[in-house]
C-alpha atoms as a PDB file:
ATOM      1  CA  MET A   1     122.802  66.760 126.018  1.00  0.00           C
ATOM      2  CA  PHE A   2     125.618  68.818 125.310  1.00  0.00           C
ATOM      3  CA  HIS A   3     125.838  72.649 125.058  1.00  0.00           C
ATOM      4  CA  ARG A   4     125.530  74.212 121.408  1.00  0.00           C
ATOM      5  CA  GLU A   5     126.221  77.814 120.654  1.00  0.00           C
ATOM      6  CA  LYS A   6     124.760  79.571 117.606  1.00  0.00           C
ATOM      7  CA  LYS A   7     126.314  82.614 115.988  1.00  0.00           C
ATOM      8  CA  VAL A   8     125.149  84.511 112.898  1.00  0.00           C
ATOM      9  CA  ILE A   9     127.525  86.588 110.962  1.00  0.00           C
ATOM     10  CA  TYR A  10     126.200  88.867 108.018  1.00  0.00           C
ATOM     11  CA  VAL A  11     129.203  89.083 105.707  1.00  0.00           C
ATOM     12  CA  GLU A  12     129.808  91.648 102.613  1.00  0.00           C
ATOM     13  CA  GLY A  13     131.608  90.474  99.631  1.00  0.00           C
ATOM     14  CA  MET A  14     130.548  86.974  99.104  1.00  0.00           C
ATOM     15  CA  HIS A  15     129.273  86.831  95.410  1.00  0.00           C
ATOM     16  CA  CYS A  16     129.393  83.058  94.475  1.00  0.00           C
ATOM     17  CA  GLU A  17     129.584  79.412  95.614  1.00  0.00           C
ATOM     18  CA  HIS A  18     133.326  79.449  95.546  1.00  0.00           C
ATOM     19  CA  CYS A  19     133.170  82.701  98.240  1.00  0.00           C
ATOM     20  CA  ALA A  20     130.674  80.529 100.253  1.00  0.00           C
ATOM     21  CA  LYS A  21     132.749  77.391 100.350  1.00  0.00           C
ATOM     22  CA  LYS A  22     135.975  79.634 101.107  1.00  0.00           C
ATOM     23  CA  VAL A  23     134.370  81.099 104.140  1.00  0.00           C
ATOM     24  CA  GLU A  24     132.554  77.671 105.227  1.00  0.00           C
ATOM     25  CA  ASN A  25     136.056  75.768 104.956  1.00  0.00           C
ATOM     26  CA  ALA A  26     137.966  78.349 106.915  1.00  0.00           C
ATOM     27  CA  LEU A  27     135.465  78.435 109.757  1.00  0.00           C
ATOM     28  CA  LYS A  28     135.279  74.704 109.795  1.00  0.00           C
ATOM     29  CA  THR A  29     138.803  74.297 110.729  1.00  0.00           C
ATOM     30  CA  LEU A  30     138.144  76.075 114.103  1.00  0.00           C
ATOM     31  CA  GLU A  31     137.938  73.865 117.176  1.00  0.00           C
ATOM     32  CA  GLY A  32     134.422  73.148 118.514  1.00  0.00           C
ATOM     33  CA  VAL A  33     132.553  73.996 115.104  1.00  0.00           C
ATOM     34  CA  LEU A  34     130.074  71.478 114.308  1.00  0.00           C
ATOM     35  CA  LYS A  35     128.231  73.002 111.202  1.00  0.00           C
ATOM     36  CA  VAL A  36     128.659  76.168 108.998  1.00  0.00           C
ATOM     37  CA  LYS A  37     125.903  77.183 106.681  1.00  0.00           C
ATOM     38  CA  VAL A  38     126.260  80.147 104.364  1.00  0.00           C
ATOM     39  CA  ASN A  39     123.383  81.869 102.543  1.00  0.00           C
ATOM     40  CA  LEU A  40     124.790  83.974  99.504  1.00  0.00           C
ATOM     41  CA  ASN A  41     121.247  85.865  99.195  1.00  0.00           C
ATOM     42  CA  SER A  42     120.940  87.099 102.640  1.00  0.00           C
ATOM     43  CA  LYS A  43     124.860  87.171 103.194  1.00  0.00           C
ATOM     44  CA  GLU A  44     124.456  85.252 106.348  1.00  0.00           C
ATOM     45  CA  VAL A  45     126.885  82.800 107.898  1.00  0.00           C
ATOM     46  CA  VAL A  46     125.490  80.456 110.456  1.00  0.00           C
ATOM     47  CA  ILE A  47     127.904  78.766 112.839  1.00  0.00           C
ATOM     48  CA  ILE A  48     126.904  75.957 115.200  1.00  0.00           C
ATOM     49  CA  SER A  49     129.604  75.092 117.744  1.00  0.00           C
ATOM     50  CA  LYS A  50     130.210  73.127 121.034  1.00  0.00           C
ATOM     51  CA  GLU A  51     131.449  76.112 122.853  1.00  0.00           C
ATOM     52  CA  THR A  52     131.428  79.821 122.377  1.00  0.00           C
ATOM     53  CA  ILE A  53     133.947  81.144 119.784  1.00  0.00           C
ATOM     54  CA  ALA A  54     135.322  84.779 120.260  1.00  0.00           C
ATOM     55  CA  ASP A  55     134.021  87.272 118.095  1.00  0.00           C
ATOM     56  CA  GLU A  56     137.524  88.308 117.437  1.00  0.00           C
ATOM     57  CA  LYS A  57     138.557  84.977 116.163  1.00  0.00           C
ATOM     58  CA  LEU A  58     135.871  84.822 113.650  1.00  0.00           C
ATOM     59  CA  ARG A  59     136.409  88.401 112.587  1.00  0.00           C
ATOM     60  CA  GLU A  60     140.101  87.603 112.051  1.00  0.00           C
ATOM     61  CA  ILE A  61     139.219  84.527 109.851  1.00  0.00           C
ATOM     62  CA  ILE A  62     136.654  86.039 107.761  1.00  0.00           C
ATOM     63  CA  GLU A  63     138.631  89.406 107.279  1.00  0.00           C
ATOM     64  CA  SER A  64     141.564  87.401 106.332  1.00  0.00           C
ATOM     65  CA  LEU A  65     139.557  86.165 103.391  1.00  0.00           C
ATOM     66  CA  ASP A  66     139.177  89.862 102.204  1.00  0.00           C
ATOM     67  CA  TYR A  67     135.209  89.755 103.275  1.00  0.00           C
ATOM     68  CA  GLN A  68     133.696  92.495 105.512  1.00  0.00           C
ATOM     69  CA  ILE A  69     131.579  91.772 108.567  1.00  0.00           C
ATOM     70  CA  LEU A  70     128.534  93.931 108.721  1.00  0.00           C
ATOM     71  CA  GLU A  71     126.987  92.512 112.024  1.00  0.00           C
ATOM     72  CA  MET A  72     127.204  89.738 114.470  1.00  0.00           C
ATOM     73  CA  LYS A  73     124.509  87.952 116.631  1.00  0.00           C
END
């Protein structure tokens, strides 16, 4: 069994399916990402990856799309 990491990010500014898809597609370009799930109602982005991805890298991608990170867990 291989190692999996789960990161939950709360993102402000996503208002529609297009926003959600934009964030999802951008995060899927990161090496090691297995799955990205965006929930517009809770502003939650869940990332499942093979290894730990630096918070700074996630912040850089999301903020480059003009969204604001409220919290990372």
